[in-house]
Structure formats: C-alpha cells, structure tokens
Amino acid sequence: MTLRSADARGVRPLSLCRCARLLFLGLAAAVLAGSALAQQADGKLGAIDLMTTKGCEEVKGEWRYAEVMVGVGPKNNDIEPKAHGAFDDSKWEVLKPETLKDARGPGKFSWCWYRIKVKVPEKVGDKAFTGGPVWFQTTVDDYGEIWVNGKIDTGKGRGAVAGFNTRNRVRLQVPDAETKKNRDPKPGDEIQIAVLGINSPLGNPPGNKIFLRAPTNLEFFTPDAKNGGADTPAVVEPPAGKEVAKIDLLKADGVGLIKGVWRRHPITLHAGEKKNEIEPKAHGAFKDDDWEKVEDPALLTKAWGPGKLSMGWYRLKVTIPEKVGDVNVAGTSVWFRTTVDDYAEVWVNGKIDLSFGKGGRGAISGFNQPNEVLLTDNAKPGEEIQLAVLAINSPFGNPPGNQIFFRPTVLRFLEKK
C-alpha cells in the first residue's frame, strides 16, 4: 500500500520527521542491544552506584569522612589520621552518598579520607552473583589514592595517584583462609575501602576543594570475564617525532652542556595562617640562592630527605645548546623526562601540564611512573627554561620509611615529522 492510497482512506501518511524519528529509535535500540551484548561477552554482570542511598543500602555500606593533617609527628613527616589498616572511624562524619559530589575541605593544600565498608551482595540488579572479579572505581578532584583492606595496588591507573582528575580503578580481593592467598569476592564478604582525596596540583595548591566524581561504583564480573574485568588506564600519547639527541641530566657533563646546576630544598607542609599552604613554592619566579647546590648530579640518584611523608623541590635552569654531540638542535622539540621514586610534579617556567584525566605529563602520574613534559616545540640556542621538580615520597596513605631519589632523567630532542 502506498502512502498516497493510505491518505485517500483517511489514514494519516508517515511524515519524513516521524520516519526519521523511528529510524533513530531503531538505531538507538540496536546500539543499546549491542552494548548489552558486548557487556555480556566481556562478562560484566552490572554495577552498583555508591553515590546513591539505594546503592549503599545494597552493599550495607555507609560513607564516612575525615579531614587529614599531614606533616605531623616528631619529624613532621607523617599523616593523621591514617586509614591504611584497622582504625576507628566511629567519630568521623557520616555522609549521605548523594553529597559525595559536594566540595569539602578548606581548599588549597588540603587532604581528606572517604571511607566505606561494603558487604558483597548475592544479586546485582536482577542478576545473581556467586563470586568473581569486583572492581571499585572513582575519580577524585584532584588526586586520589585507593586503599583496600589496608593495602594499595600501586599499579599504573590503579590505587596510586595516576594523574590530575584521573580515574582510579582497583580490583577488590579478600584473603582466603585456606590457601592464604587473595581471591575474588563472594557474597557475604566484607571489604573496607578508603579513598584519600587530595587538592592539587601540590606545587601551587588552588583555592578550590575536594570532591568525588561519577562514576563512583562497584562493577561485578563473571569468573571467566575477559582479563578479569581489567581495562587500560588513560595515559597521554608519547611525544611525536624522531629522537635525534639526548642529554643525561644525572651526569656532570650533561648538566654542564646546558649551563645548569641542580639545587634542592625540603618543603614545609601545612604552612600559612590557615595551615593549607606549602613553603617554599616554586611554581613561578623565585629566589633559590640559599638552596642546597648539588655539585655532582649523580647525587640525585641517592636517597634524600627525612623519609615517610616528605617532599622537596629540585630546580634546574636549562640553557638550550647549539649542538648535542654533532647534532644541531635548533628547531627541534625539547622534552624533559624523569622518574622520581616515588611521585613527582614537573613545572616548566612556573606552569604545569596537568593533562586532565590522563597520566604522563606534569601531574603525578603513578607510583614510580615517568613524567615527560614539553620545554619548547622550537628550540632556540641560548633560550633559558626553568625546571622545577616536586619530588615526593609515597604512597601518601601510609608513607614508607624510605626516601626520595631520581631514576633516569634526560632531555630529549625530537625532529618534527
């Protein structure tokens, strides 16, 4: 039957808009069905939203909150309270899950704990859960660490700080009494999750405050789920271009080539009238004449600082050379790459490349993970560029007794494609 004959019988013809709407709805249904099938193929059963009262009731959980003071103790290198193991949070503030998105804390240099104990349910939505991989994920504005039953997975993109406003996603596991090994959760298991929220960047703490972003939830998978439900953390793309020269900044001749000298200085935490600053700051122009001069750059590979929660600035002024070896480097892009044991921020001429939502540039990018930042995309011999590296012992939630040191640290000169 044609549309015209239908109209002749008093039946309203299908308009082009209605046809397009029906086509769109059909395509949307197909996409949703495909997404559901993809989830089934990957073994995902569903998720429970921990930013809702309903979701927390499903796991019999209750969010509690406490502000954190750092730089405490006899050596001013500890935190209080700690939440990395057994602890009493009975006096902590109870939060409604819907308020996790609300800003908290005094702003600037400030830290806090969010804590919840969850009981693994027998059902996720309308699906039975008998045991398998369970993942907790959240994004802290701005830095986050995740502690599960008093421990932290420092893998890239997991429990350690992995970037500015970058998601943490950790696999929840419990100790098995018989095998003495960790296993995936089963219904009835109780698991303690503690989220350490930190305002950042630390080198120049902003005036805003801390909150959690969505999704903050639990994801449940079947025992045979692809890769156990794991995914790939978000990281920035590597620098483009072919490396034509490199300078080792942990060697005296390398630092001499750029006419530089390393200087360093420990940081005082919780400085200022409101105890929410750091001192000194090195994010802009500053005087460092009284900082310790590191005569031999190889000393950067040696442990430094009081241990536990300790932070320090390392500063280097780079003068772009005409040549590196036999290579003329004018016009190349110049990248600074370092790996600090354990966390680092890298500031260039008083600014930091935060790469919102991804690790790998100037913000803390993981536990013992490299930072690589652009100094210039058009090298001009004689140009001066100020580098300031904020080196930090970590993880924050239970600062270890060791100290800070540098792993490979270089300038890379890349020829543009």
Protein backbone atom coordinates (compact mmCIF):
# COMPACT_ATOMS: atom_id res chain seq x y z
CA MET A 1 0.00 0.00 0.00
CA THR A 2 1.41 3.43 -0.91
CA LEU A 3 1.35 6.41 1.37
CA ARG A 4 -0.98 8.14 -1.06
CA SER A 5 -3.58 5.38 -1.02
CA ALA A 6 -3.42 5.36 2.75
CA ASP A 7 -4.12 9.10 2.77
CA ALA A 8 -7.05 8.58 0.44
CA ARG A 9 -8.59 6.21 3.01
CA GLY A 10 -8.25 8.82 5.75
CA VAL A 11 -5.11 7.27 7.23
CA ARG A 12 -2.50 9.88 8.05
CA PRO A 13 0.66 9.40 5.96
CA LEU A 14 4.00 8.93 7.73
CA SER A 15 5.88 12.24 7.77
CA LEU A 16 9.56 12.43 6.98
CA CYS A 17 10.20 13.62 10.57
CA ARG A 18 8.32 10.67 12.02
CA CYS A 19 10.17 8.26 9.73
CA ALA A 20 13.47 9.77 10.79
CA ARG A 21 12.46 9.54 14.46
CA LEU A 22 11.52 5.89 14.11
CA LEU A 23 14.79 5.20 12.30
CA PHE A 24 16.74 6.95 15.09
CA LEU A 25 14.92 4.99 17.80
CA GLY A 26 15.61 1.78 15.95
CA LEU A 27 19.30 2.59 15.63
CA ALA A 28 19.48 3.60 19.32
CA ALA A 29 17.86 0.32 20.34
CA ALA A 30 20.36 -1.56 18.20
CA VAL A 31 23.28 0.31 19.79
CA LEU A 32 21.98 -0.40 23.31
CA ALA A 33 21.41 -4.03 22.45
CA GLY A 34 24.92 -4.23 21.01
CA SER A 35 26.33 -2.60 24.16
CA ALA A 36 24.46 -5.09 26.36
CA LEU A 37 25.75 -7.99 24.26
CA ALA A 38 29.29 -6.59 24.48
CA GLN A 39 28.98 -6.40 28.27
CA GLN A 40 27.75 -9.98 28.37
CA ALA A 41 30.62 -11.07 26.14
CA ASP A 42 33.10 -9.37 28.49
CA GLY A 43 31.43 -10.99 31.48
CA LYS A 44 30.14 -7.84 33.13
CA LEU A 45 27.06 -8.51 35.27
CA GLY A 46 26.33 -4.94 36.28
CA ALA A 47 27.26 -2.13 38.64
CA ILE A 48 26.16 -0.64 41.95
CA ASP A 49 26.27 3.15 42.27
CA LEU A 50 27.87 4.15 45.57
CA MET A 51 26.86 7.77 45.10
CA THR A 52 23.24 6.87 45.85
CA THR A 53 21.50 5.79 49.05
CA LYS A 54 19.97 2.83 47.20
CA GLY A 55 23.39 1.62 46.03
CA CYS A 56 24.92 1.89 49.50
CA GLU A 57 21.96 0.02 51.00
CA GLU A 58 22.53 -2.81 48.52
CA VAL A 59 26.03 -3.34 49.95
CA LYS A 60 25.09 -2.33 53.51
CA GLY A 61 27.64 0.48 53.34
CA GLU A 62 27.95 3.90 54.93
CA TRP A 63 30.30 6.64 53.79
CA ARG A 64 32.37 8.37 56.48
CA TYR A 65 34.63 11.39 56.10
CA ALA A 66 37.58 12.96 57.92
CA GLU A 67 39.98 15.77 57.09
CA VAL A 68 43.65 14.82 57.13
CA MET A 69 46.56 16.70 58.67
CA VAL A 70 49.94 15.98 57.09
CA GLY A 71 53.40 16.91 58.28
CA VAL A 72 52.71 15.75 61.83
CA GLY A 73 54.73 13.63 64.27
CA PRO A 74 58.22 14.09 65.79
CA LYS A 75 59.83 14.65 62.37
CA ASN A 76 56.85 16.37 60.75
CA ASN A 77 56.70 13.55 58.20
CA ASP A 78 53.54 11.61 59.00
CA ILE A 79 49.79 11.94 58.45
CA GLU A 80 46.84 11.86 60.84
CA PRO A 81 44.50 10.06 60.80
CA LYS A 82 45.74 7.04 58.91
CA ALA A 83 43.34 4.67 57.24
CA HIS A 84 45.62 2.10 55.70
CA GLY A 85 44.80 -0.66 58.21
CA ALA A 86 42.49 -1.28 61.15
CA PHE A 87 41.26 2.04 62.50
CA ASP A 88 38.45 3.61 64.47
CA ASP A 89 36.27 5.90 62.36
CA SER A 90 33.30 5.96 64.76
CA LYS A 91 33.74 9.72 65.26
CA TRP A 92 34.11 10.51 61.57
CA GLU A 93 31.35 12.47 59.85
CA VAL A 94 28.69 10.30 58.19
CA LEU A 95 27.94 11.41 54.62
CA LYS A 96 24.86 10.97 52.51
CA PRO A 97 26.07 9.27 49.31
CA GLU A 98 24.41 11.93 47.18
CA THR A 99 26.72 14.56 48.75
CA LEU A 100 29.98 12.92 47.66
CA LYS A 101 29.89 15.29 44.70
CA ASP A 102 29.92 18.31 47.04
CA ALA A 103 33.17 20.22 47.63
CA ARG A 104 34.79 19.67 51.04
CA GLY A 105 37.84 20.81 52.99
CA PRO A 106 39.50 24.20 53.47
CA GLY A 107 40.84 24.42 49.92
CA LYS A 108 44.43 24.99 48.78
CA PHE A 109 46.81 22.40 50.35
CA SER A 110 44.24 20.02 51.84
CA TRP A 111 43.62 16.28 52.14
CA CYS A 112 40.77 14.06 53.34
CA TRP A 113 39.63 10.44 53.75
CA TYR A 114 36.40 8.96 52.40
CA ARG A 115 35.78 5.51 53.86
CA ILE A 116 33.14 2.82 53.25
CA LYS A 117 32.83 -0.84 54.23
CA VAL A 118 30.85 -2.87 51.68
CA LYS A 119 29.25 -6.30 52.00
CA VAL A 120 29.21 -8.21 48.72
CA PRO A 121 25.58 -8.89 47.69
CA GLU A 122 24.02 -12.02 46.22
CA LYS A 123 22.44 -10.08 43.37
CA VAL A 124 23.47 -7.19 41.15
CA GLY A 125 20.28 -5.76 39.73
CA ASP A 126 18.31 -8.78 38.63
CA LYS A 127 21.39 -10.98 38.11
CA ALA A 128 22.72 -13.49 40.64
CA PHE A 129 26.31 -13.01 41.78
CA THR A 130 28.04 -16.11 43.14
CA GLY A 131 31.60 -14.77 43.08
CA GLY A 132 34.06 -13.27 40.64
CA PRO A 133 36.01 -10.10 39.89
CA VAL A 134 34.70 -6.93 41.56
CA TRP A 135 36.17 -3.53 40.74
CA PHE A 136 35.83 -0.27 42.64
CA GLN A 137 36.30 2.92 40.65
CA THR A 138 36.17 6.63 41.38
CA THR A 139 37.69 9.90 40.24
CA VAL A 140 38.84 12.35 42.89
CA ASP A 141 39.01 16.03 42.11
CA ASP A 142 42.01 16.33 42.01
CA TYR A 143 44.32 13.46 43.19
CA GLY A 144 43.24 10.13 44.68
CA GLU A 145 44.68 7.04 46.36
CA ILE A 146 42.58 3.91 46.98
CA TRP A 147 43.29 1.60 49.93
CA VAL A 148 41.53 -1.79 50.09
CA ASN A 149 41.60 -3.69 53.37
CA GLY A 150 44.59 -1.60 54.38
CA LYS A 151 46.63 -2.15 51.22
CA ILE A 152 47.22 -0.26 48.00
CA ASP A 153 47.70 -1.52 44.43
CA THR A 154 50.38 0.81 43.09
CA GLY A 155 49.97 -0.41 39.50
CA LYS A 156 49.53 2.26 36.84
CA GLY A 157 46.00 3.66 36.94
CA ARG A 158 45.03 1.57 39.97
CA GLY A 159 45.37 2.59 43.62
CA ALA A 160 48.16 5.17 43.40
CA VAL A 161 47.72 8.76 42.22
CA ALA A 162 47.63 8.36 38.43
CA GLY A 163 47.07 11.87 37.10
CA PHE A 164 45.10 15.07 37.62
CA ASN A 165 41.37 14.25 37.86
CA THR A 166 42.24 10.80 36.57
CA ARG A 167 40.20 7.73 37.43
CA ASN A 168 41.40 5.12 39.92
CA ARG A 169 40.09 1.59 39.35
CA VAL A 170 41.10 -1.22 41.69
CA ARG A 171 40.22 -4.90 41.85
CA LEU A 172 38.79 -5.87 45.22
CA GLN A 173 40.10 -9.11 46.66
CA VAL A 174 39.96 -10.82 50.04
CA PRO A 175 42.34 -13.24 51.79
CA ASP A 176 41.38 -16.89 51.56
CA ALA A 177 41.68 -18.63 54.93
CA GLU A 178 42.58 -22.00 53.37
CA THR A 179 45.04 -21.05 50.63
CA LYS A 180 46.42 -17.96 52.42
CA LYS A 181 46.18 -16.19 49.07
CA ASN A 182 43.90 -13.47 47.81
CA ARG A 183 40.75 -14.42 45.91
CA ASP A 184 37.86 -12.65 44.24
CA PRO A 185 34.92 -11.74 46.49
CA LYS A 186 31.91 -13.92 47.19
CA PRO A 187 28.51 -12.90 48.60
CA GLY A 188 28.81 -12.02 52.28
CA ASP A 189 32.46 -10.89 52.13
CA GLU A 190 33.12 -7.53 53.78
CA ILE A 191 35.67 -5.20 52.21
CA GLN A 192 36.97 -1.89 53.55
CA ILE A 193 37.63 0.86 51.00
CA ALA A 194 39.41 4.09 51.97
CA VAL A 195 39.77 6.89 49.40
CA LEU A 196 42.41 9.54 50.08
CA GLY A 197 41.36 12.78 48.38
CA ILE A 198 43.95 15.49 47.74
CA ASN A 199 43.60 19.00 46.37
CA SER A 200 46.16 19.65 43.65
CA PRO A 201 48.50 20.40 41.98
CA LEU A 202 50.60 20.31 45.11
CA GLY A 203 53.25 22.74 43.85
CA ASN A 204 50.77 25.61 43.82
CA PRO A 205 47.62 24.45 45.63
CA PRO A 206 44.47 26.04 44.14
CA GLY A 207 41.69 27.66 46.14
CA ASN A 208 39.06 25.08 45.21
CA LYS A 209 38.16 22.00 47.27
CA ILE A 210 37.90 18.18 47.11
CA PHE A 211 35.02 16.05 45.82
CA LEU A 212 34.33 12.72 44.11
CA ARG A 213 33.17 12.44 40.53
CA ALA A 214 30.83 9.89 38.97
CA PRO A 215 31.04 7.04 38.42
CA THR A 216 31.97 6.03 41.94
CA ASN A 217 30.73 2.47 41.93
CA LEU A 218 31.33 -1.26 42.12
CA GLU A 219 31.45 -3.30 38.90
CA PHE A 220 30.74 -7.04 39.04
CA PHE A 221 32.00 -9.67 36.58
CA THR A 222 31.66 -13.39 35.99
CA PRO A 223 34.63 -15.60 36.99
CA ASP A 224 35.54 -16.10 33.31
CA ALA A 225 35.34 -12.40 32.40
CA LYS A 226 37.78 -11.17 29.78
CA ASN A 227 41.01 -10.03 31.51
CA GLY A 228 39.19 -10.38 34.81
CA GLY A 229 37.32 -7.16 34.01
CA ALA A 230 40.53 -5.10 33.74
CA ASP A 231 40.79 -2.19 31.34
CA THR A 232 43.56 0.12 30.10
CA PRO A 233 44.36 3.23 32.16
CA ALA A 234 44.21 6.58 30.36
CA VAL A 235 47.65 7.99 29.53
CA VAL A 236 48.80 10.71 27.16
CA GLU A 237 50.31 9.93 23.77
CA PRO A 238 54.11 9.83 23.64
CA PRO A 239 55.86 12.83 22.10
CA ALA A 240 55.76 12.90 18.32
CA GLY A 241 58.91 12.93 16.21
CA LYS A 242 62.23 11.14 15.90
CA GLU A 243 64.76 11.44 18.70
CA VAL A 244 67.96 12.96 17.29
CA ALA A 245 69.82 13.77 20.53
CA LYS A 246 69.67 13.22 24.28
CA ILE A 247 71.34 14.73 27.35
CA ASP A 248 71.74 12.81 30.60
CA LEU A 249 70.93 15.24 33.41
CA LEU A 250 72.29 12.92 36.08
CA LYS A 251 75.82 13.42 34.75
CA ALA A 252 78.07 16.44 35.24
CA ASP A 253 78.93 16.81 31.55
CA GLY A 254 75.22 16.71 30.64
CA VAL A 255 74.29 19.43 33.13
CA GLY A 256 77.36 21.40 32.01
CA LEU A 257 76.17 21.29 28.41
CA ILE A 258 73.02 23.22 29.35
CA LYS A 259 74.98 25.57 31.69
CA GLY A 260 72.88 24.44 34.63
CA VAL A 261 73.24 23.38 38.23
CA TRP A 262 70.77 21.35 40.27
CA ARG A 263 69.52 22.89 43.52
CA ARG A 264 67.17 21.35 46.07
CA HIS A 265 65.19 22.35 49.13
CA PRO A 266 62.85 20.47 51.51
CA ILE A 267 59.22 21.57 51.75
CA THR A 268 57.33 22.58 54.88
CA LEU A 269 53.77 21.25 54.79
CA HIS A 270 50.66 22.94 56.17
CA ALA A 271 52.27 26.35 56.29
CA GLY A 272 50.45 29.66 56.39
CA GLU A 273 47.74 31.17 58.57
CA LYS A 274 45.15 28.52 57.68
CA LYS A 275 47.68 25.66 57.54
CA ASN A 276 46.76 24.99 53.92
CA GLU A 277 49.86 26.17 52.07
CA ILE A 278 53.33 24.78 51.30
CA GLU A 279 56.63 26.57 51.72
CA PRO A 280 58.60 27.34 49.64
CA LYS A 281 56.67 27.47 46.40
CA ALA A 282 58.49 27.15 43.12
CA HIS A 283 55.75 27.46 40.55
CA GLY A 284 56.87 30.90 39.35
CA ALA A 285 59.76 33.32 39.71
CA PHE A 286 61.60 32.65 42.96
CA LYS A 287 64.96 33.08 44.64
CA ASP A 288 66.90 29.85 45.26
CA ASP A 289 70.38 31.19 46.06
CA ASP A 290 70.23 29.71 49.56
CA TRP A 291 69.04 26.30 48.35
CA GLU A 292 71.47 23.39 48.56
CA LYS A 293 73.63 23.20 45.45
CA VAL A 294 74.02 19.65 44.14
CA GLU A 295 77.56 19.80 42.81
CA ASP A 296 77.50 16.24 41.46
CA PRO A 297 74.22 15.44 39.62
CA ALA A 298 74.79 11.75 40.36
CA LEU A 299 73.74 12.56 43.95
CA LEU A 300 70.17 12.82 42.68
CA THR A 301 70.19 9.03 42.44
CA LYS A 302 70.94 8.80 46.17
CA ALA A 303 68.24 8.80 48.85
CA TRP A 304 67.43 12.23 50.32
CA GLY A 305 65.03 13.65 52.88
CA PRO A 306 63.67 12.54 56.26
CA GLY A 307 61.67 9.62 54.86
CA LYS A 308 57.99 8.85 55.34
CA LEU A 309 55.82 11.74 54.12
CA SER A 310 58.46 14.07 52.70
CA MET A 311 58.53 16.43 49.75
CA GLY A 312 61.25 18.55 48.18
CA TRP A 313 61.91 20.85 45.24
CA TYR A 314 64.67 20.11 42.74
CA ARG A 315 65.32 23.04 40.44
CA LEU A 316 67.38 23.32 37.23
CA LYS A 317 67.69 26.16 34.71
CA VAL A 318 68.21 24.84 31.19
CA THR A 319 70.01 26.85 28.51
CA ILE A 320 69.32 25.34 25.09
CA PRO A 321 72.68 24.44 23.46
CA GLU A 322 73.54 24.87 19.79
CA LYS A 323 74.67 21.28 19.48
CA VAL A 324 74.37 18.00 21.32
CA GLY A 325 77.33 15.99 20.11
CA ASP A 326 77.39 16.56 16.35
CA VAL A 327 73.67 17.35 16.12
CA ASN A 328 72.38 20.88 15.58
CA VAL A 329 69.29 21.02 17.79
CA ALA A 330 67.85 24.36 16.68
CA GLY A 331 64.20 23.96 15.69
CA THR A 332 63.70 20.62 17.44
CA SER A 333 61.12 19.98 20.13
CA VAL A 334 62.71 19.53 23.55
CA TRP A 335 61.22 17.20 26.15
CA PHE A 336 62.24 16.71 29.78
CA ARG A 337 61.71 13.19 31.11
CA THR A 338 62.23 11.98 34.67
CA THR A 339 61.12 9.25 37.03
CA VAL A 340 61.12 10.09 40.71
CA ASP A 341 60.95 7.46 43.42
CA ASP A 342 58.02 7.70 44.16
CA TYR A 343 55.78 10.60 42.95
CA ALA A 344 56.60 13.78 41.00
CA GLU A 345 55.17 17.00 39.64
CA VAL A 346 57.11 18.86 36.93
CA TRP A 347 56.77 22.63 36.50
CA VAL A 348 58.13 24.47 33.43
CA ASN A 349 58.57 28.25 33.63
CA GLY A 350 56.11 28.30 36.51
CA LYS A 351 53.39 26.27 34.80
CA ILE A 352 52.32 22.64 34.87
CA ASP A 353 50.80 20.48 32.12
CA LEU A 354 48.06 18.69 34.07
CA SER A 355 46.62 16.67 31.14
CA PHE A 356 43.16 16.46 32.72
CA GLY A 357 42.01 12.84 33.01
CA LYS A 358 45.28 11.24 31.86
CA GLY A 359 48.65 10.49 33.37
CA GLY A 360 52.08 11.06 31.86
CA ARG A 361 52.78 14.79 31.80
CA GLY A 362 53.44 17.24 34.64
CA ALA A 363 51.00 15.99 37.29
CA ILE A 364 51.69 12.97 39.49
CA SER A 365 51.29 10.13 37.01
CA GLY A 366 51.60 6.99 39.08
CA PHE A 367 53.90 5.25 41.53
CA ASN A 368 57.45 5.34 40.11
CA GLN A 369 55.99 6.30 36.73
CA PRO A 370 57.74 8.72 34.35
CA ASN A 371 56.73 12.31 33.76
CA GLU A 372 57.58 13.74 30.33
CA VAL A 373 56.89 17.41 29.61
CA LEU A 374 57.49 19.75 26.68
CA LEU A 375 60.02 22.53 27.24
CA THR A 376 59.74 24.04 23.77
CA ASP A 377 58.48 22.92 20.37
CA ASN A 378 61.02 25.13 18.57
CA ALA A 379 64.42 25.04 20.24
CA LYS A 380 66.35 28.30 20.11
CA PRO A 381 70.01 28.07 21.20
CA GLY A 382 70.59 30.32 24.20
CA GLU A 383 66.96 30.23 25.35
CA GLU A 384 66.61 29.71 29.13
CA ILE A 385 63.90 27.48 30.58
CA GLN A 386 63.28 26.94 34.30
CA LEU A 387 62.51 23.43 35.51
CA ALA A 388 61.18 22.67 38.99
CA VAL A 389 60.54 19.07 40.02
CA LEU A 390 58.44 18.42 43.11
CA ALA A 391 59.74 15.08 44.39
CA ILE A 392 57.57 13.15 46.84
CA ASN A 393 57.89 10.01 48.94
CA SER A 394 54.78 7.85 48.68
CA PRO A 395 52.20 6.34 48.83
CA PHE A 396 50.61 9.09 50.88
CA GLY A 397 48.13 6.99 52.88
CA ASN A 398 50.88 5.08 54.68
CA PRO A 399 54.18 6.86 53.99
CA PRO A 400 57.10 4.39 53.87
CA GLY A 401 60.31 4.82 55.80
CA ASN A 402 62.49 5.16 52.69
CA GLN A 403 63.49 8.41 50.99
CA ILE A 404 63.37 10.33 47.70
CA PHE A 405 65.67 9.77 44.73
CA PHE A 406 65.71 10.12 40.94
CA ARG A 407 65.73 7.43 38.30
CA PRO A 408 66.76 8.17 34.64
CA THR A 409 66.40 11.91 33.95
CA VAL A 410 67.10 13.28 30.46
CA LEU A 411 66.44 15.99 27.90
CA ARG A 412 65.25 14.56 24.58
CA PHE A 413 65.49 16.47 21.29
CA LEU A 414 62.97 15.34 18.69
CA GLU A 415 62.95 16.11 14.99
CA LYS A 416 59.49 17.06 13.85
CA LYS A 417 57.75 14.77 11.39
